[in-house]
Structures are given as structure tokens and as C-alpha cells.
Amino acid sequence: MLLVCYNTAVSWKRSYDGMDSGQIDSAIVGTYLMLAASEIGLGSTWVMSFDPIAIRKAYGIPENFVPVALFPIGYPAADALPSPRHSQRLAIEETVFYNTFNK
């Protein structure tokens, strides 16, 4: 199991509104982590359903580190299949915004 966190003391903040890039940077790290695992024949999945306070306490994570995702890693079973929900998609009208102001 790997845990990806970001450090609020050093993560980049956007000057316009102070948005912290830590969540996005962690997502990038997690994606590459999963791709690297797959490259060597390991399986993984993104787990975000966890109690961050319990994780912080169990592993002694400092206050300025934010736990983002857990990644269990191992050899997939021969009959392993993705969840049926993996291929469910929303209609494009529900996920894409078209700017009609500049017509």
C-alpha cells in the first residue's frame, strides 16, 4: 500500500486566489504511480475513501502533510475484471460546458 500526500508548506499556490496545487500534483503522481506499477506487471487502484484523521494518526503524518489517496499494489488475479461502473459515462451534455457568450 502506498499513500500519496502533499506538503502545504511547499506546495505551489496560485497568486490570484491562493489555490493550492497539492491536490492536482498528487493526482499526477498517483496516475504515474499506477502506470509504473502496470509497466512491471502490478495492479493498483485509486482509493480515496479513507478517514484522513485516522491515517494521519496511524502513520504519524505531520499537520502540514495532506493525505490524498491510497494505492494498494499487487499482482492481479488471473480472473480480475474492472468494476462494471468503470465503463459508465455521463452524457456529454452533463460534462462539457460550451461558451455561448462570445457568439
C-alpha atoms as a PDB file:
ATOM      1  CA  MET A   1       0.000   0.000   0.000  1.00  0.00           C
ATOM      2  CA  LEU A   2       1.341   3.403  -0.913  1.00  0.00           C
ATOM      3  CA  LEU A   3      -0.005   6.694   0.393  1.00  0.00           C
ATOM      4  CA  VAL A   4       0.331   9.912  -1.581  1.00  0.00           C
ATOM      5  CA  CYS A   5       0.339  13.162   0.405  1.00  0.00           C
ATOM      6  CA  TYR A   6       1.305  16.731  -0.308  1.00  0.00           C
ATOM      7  CA  ASN A   7       3.069  19.254   1.885  1.00  0.00           C
ATOM      8  CA  THR A   8       1.129  22.510   2.258  1.00  0.00           C
ATOM      9  CA  ALA A   9       4.299  24.276   3.404  1.00  0.00           C
ATOM     10  CA  VAL A  10       5.937  23.868  -0.011  1.00  0.00           C
ATOM     11  CA  SER A  11       3.111  23.186  -2.488  1.00  0.00           C
ATOM     12  CA  TRP A  12       2.641  25.861  -5.132  1.00  0.00           C
ATOM     13  CA  LYS A  13      -0.166  28.380  -4.562  1.00  0.00           C
ATOM     14  CA  ARG A  14      -1.719  30.384  -7.375  1.00  0.00           C
ATOM     15  CA  SER A  15      -1.133  34.097  -6.779  1.00  0.00           C
ATOM     16  CA  TYR A  16      -4.597  35.193  -7.929  1.00  0.00           C
ATOM     17  CA  ASP A  17      -6.666  33.272  -5.404  1.00  0.00           C
ATOM     18  CA  GLY A  18      -4.266  31.154  -3.335  1.00  0.00           C
ATOM     19  CA  MET A  19      -5.471  27.852  -4.821  1.00  0.00           C
ATOM     20  CA  ASP A  20      -3.130  25.092  -3.645  1.00  0.00           C
ATOM     21  CA  SER A  21      -1.847  22.817  -6.423  1.00  0.00           C
ATOM     22  CA  GLY A  22      -1.197  19.967  -3.982  1.00  0.00           C
ATOM     23  CA  GLN A  23      -4.349  18.014  -4.862  1.00  0.00           C
ATOM     24  CA  ILE A  24      -3.646  18.258  -8.586  1.00  0.00           C
ATOM     25  CA  ASP A  25       0.041  17.446  -8.197  1.00  0.00           C
ATOM     26  CA  SER A  26      -0.895  14.437  -6.055  1.00  0.00           C
ATOM     27  CA  ALA A  27      -3.299  13.235  -8.747  1.00  0.00           C
ATOM     28  CA  ILE A  28      -0.500  13.447 -11.310  1.00  0.00           C
ATOM     29  CA  VAL A  29       1.825  11.492  -9.014  1.00  0.00           C
ATOM     30  CA  GLY A  30      -0.873   8.874  -8.395  1.00  0.00           C
ATOM     31  CA  THR A  31      -1.537   8.446 -12.105  1.00  0.00           C
ATOM     32  CA  TYR A  32       2.137   7.926 -12.896  1.00  0.00           C
ATOM     33  CA  LEU A  33       2.478   5.613  -9.904  1.00  0.00           C
ATOM     34  CA  MET A  34      -0.303   3.399 -11.270  1.00  0.00           C
ATOM     35  CA  LEU A  35       1.193   3.443 -14.779  1.00  0.00           C
ATOM     36  CA  ALA A  36       4.636   2.498 -13.429  1.00  0.00           C
ATOM     37  CA  ALA A  37       3.134  -0.364 -11.421  1.00  0.00           C
ATOM     38  CA  SER A  38       1.306  -1.617 -14.511  1.00  0.00           C
ATOM     39  CA  GLU A  39       4.504  -1.437 -16.558  1.00  0.00           C
ATOM     40  CA  ILE A  40       6.096  -4.047 -14.262  1.00  0.00           C
ATOM     41  CA  GLY A  41       3.012  -6.280 -14.138  1.00  0.00           C
ATOM     42  CA  LEU A  42       1.441  -4.996 -10.920  1.00  0.00           C
ATOM     43  CA  GLY A  43      -2.126  -3.872 -10.458  1.00  0.00           C
ATOM     44  CA  SER A  44      -3.364  -0.958  -8.410  1.00  0.00           C
ATOM     45  CA  THR A  45      -6.382   1.189  -7.839  1.00  0.00           C
ATOM     46  CA  TRP A  46      -7.030   4.681  -6.545  1.00  0.00           C
ATOM     47  CA  VAL A  47      -8.578   4.664  -3.038  1.00  0.00           C
ATOM     48  CA  MET A  48      -9.861   7.945  -1.703  1.00  0.00           C
ATOM     49  CA  SER A  49     -12.423   6.518   0.704  1.00  0.00           C
ATOM     50  CA  PHE A  50     -10.491   6.675   3.966  1.00  0.00           C
ATOM     51  CA  ASP A  51     -10.503   8.646   7.196  1.00  0.00           C
ATOM     52  CA  PRO A  52      -7.646  11.155   6.804  1.00  0.00           C
ATOM     53  CA  ILE A  53      -7.542  11.814  10.554  1.00  0.00           C
ATOM     54  CA  ALA A  54      -7.099   8.092  11.286  1.00  0.00           C
ATOM     55  CA  ILE A  55      -4.434   7.776   8.550  1.00  0.00           C
ATOM     56  CA  ARG A  56      -2.608  10.831   9.888  1.00  0.00           C
ATOM     57  CA  LYS A  57      -2.650   9.397  13.426  1.00  0.00           C
ATOM     58  CA  ALA A  58      -1.714   5.813  12.455  1.00  0.00           C
ATOM     59  CA  TYR A  59       1.316   6.902  10.433  1.00  0.00           C
ATOM     60  CA  GLY A  60       2.387   9.983  12.370  1.00  0.00           C
ATOM     61  CA  ILE A  61       1.862  12.297   9.417  1.00  0.00           C
ATOM     62  CA  PRO A  62       2.708  15.931  10.234  1.00  0.00           C
ATOM     63  CA  GLU A  63      -0.084  18.526  10.150  1.00  0.00           C
ATOM     64  CA  ASN A  64       1.282  20.240   7.034  1.00  0.00           C
ATOM     65  CA  PHE A  65       1.025  16.990   5.004  1.00  0.00           C
ATOM     66  CA  VAL A  66      -2.374  16.236   3.450  1.00  0.00           C
ATOM     67  CA  PRO A  67      -3.195  12.578   2.709  1.00  0.00           C
ATOM     68  CA  VAL A  68      -4.784  12.393  -0.743  1.00  0.00           C
ATOM     69  CA  ALA A  69      -5.017   8.761  -1.871  1.00  0.00           C
ATOM     70  CA  LEU A  70      -4.061   5.206  -1.010  1.00  0.00           C
ATOM     71  CA  PHE A  71      -2.767   2.805  -3.651  1.00  0.00           C
ATOM     72  CA  PRO A  72      -2.906  -0.903  -2.861  1.00  0.00           C
ATOM     73  CA  ILE A  73      -0.438  -2.606  -5.195  1.00  0.00           C
ATOM     74  CA  GLY A  74      -0.102  -6.279  -6.013  1.00  0.00           C
ATOM     75  CA  TYR A  75      -0.356  -8.963  -8.629  1.00  0.00           C
ATOM     76  CA  PRO A  76      -3.858  -9.065 -10.106  1.00  0.00           C
ATOM     77  CA  ALA A  77      -5.724 -12.368 -10.096  1.00  0.00           C
ATOM     78  CA  ALA A  78      -5.994 -14.054 -13.489  1.00  0.00           C
ATOM     79  CA  ASP A  79      -9.764 -13.509 -13.461  1.00  0.00           C
ATOM     80  CA  ALA A  80      -9.653  -9.901 -12.217  1.00  0.00           C
ATOM     81  CA  LEU A  81     -12.032  -7.551 -14.009  1.00  0.00           C
ATOM     82  CA  PRO A  82     -12.721  -3.828 -13.687  1.00  0.00           C
ATOM     83  CA  SER A  83     -15.833  -2.806 -11.804  1.00  0.00           C
ATOM     84  CA  PRO A  84     -18.891  -2.614 -14.100  1.00  0.00           C
ATOM     85  CA  ARG A  85     -19.134   1.050 -13.068  1.00  0.00           C
ATOM     86  CA  HIS A  86     -15.752   1.657 -14.732  1.00  0.00           C
ATOM     87  CA  SER A  87     -17.385   1.967 -18.157  1.00  0.00           C
ATOM     88  CA  GLN A  88     -20.417   4.022 -17.068  1.00  0.00           C
ATOM     89  CA  ARG A  89     -20.315   7.506 -18.511  1.00  0.00           C
ATOM     90  CA  LEU A  90     -22.446  10.629 -18.223  1.00  0.00           C
ATOM     91  CA  ALA A  91     -23.874  12.191 -21.365  1.00  0.00           C
ATOM     92  CA  ILE A  92     -21.502  14.734 -22.883  1.00  0.00           C
ATOM     93  CA  GLU A  93     -24.078  17.468 -22.203  1.00  0.00           C
ATOM     94  CA  GLU A  94     -23.620  16.784 -18.485  1.00  0.00           C
ATOM     95  CA  THR A  95     -19.838  17.130 -18.531  1.00  0.00           C
ATOM     96  CA  VAL A  96     -18.969  19.727 -21.186  1.00  0.00           C
ATOM     97  CA  PHE A  97     -19.637  23.459 -20.967  1.00  0.00           C
ATOM     98  CA  TYR A  98     -19.838  25.437 -24.181  1.00  0.00           C
ATOM     99  CA  ASN A  99     -19.158  29.164 -24.012  1.00  0.00           C
ATOM    100  CA  THR A 100     -22.049  30.873 -25.769  1.00  0.00           C
ATOM    101  CA  PHE A 101     -21.173  34.385 -24.619  1.00  0.00           C
ATOM    102  CA  ASN A 102     -18.846  35.237 -27.495  1.00  0.00           C
ATOM    103  CA  LYS A 103     -21.114  34.377 -30.430  1.00  0.00           C
END
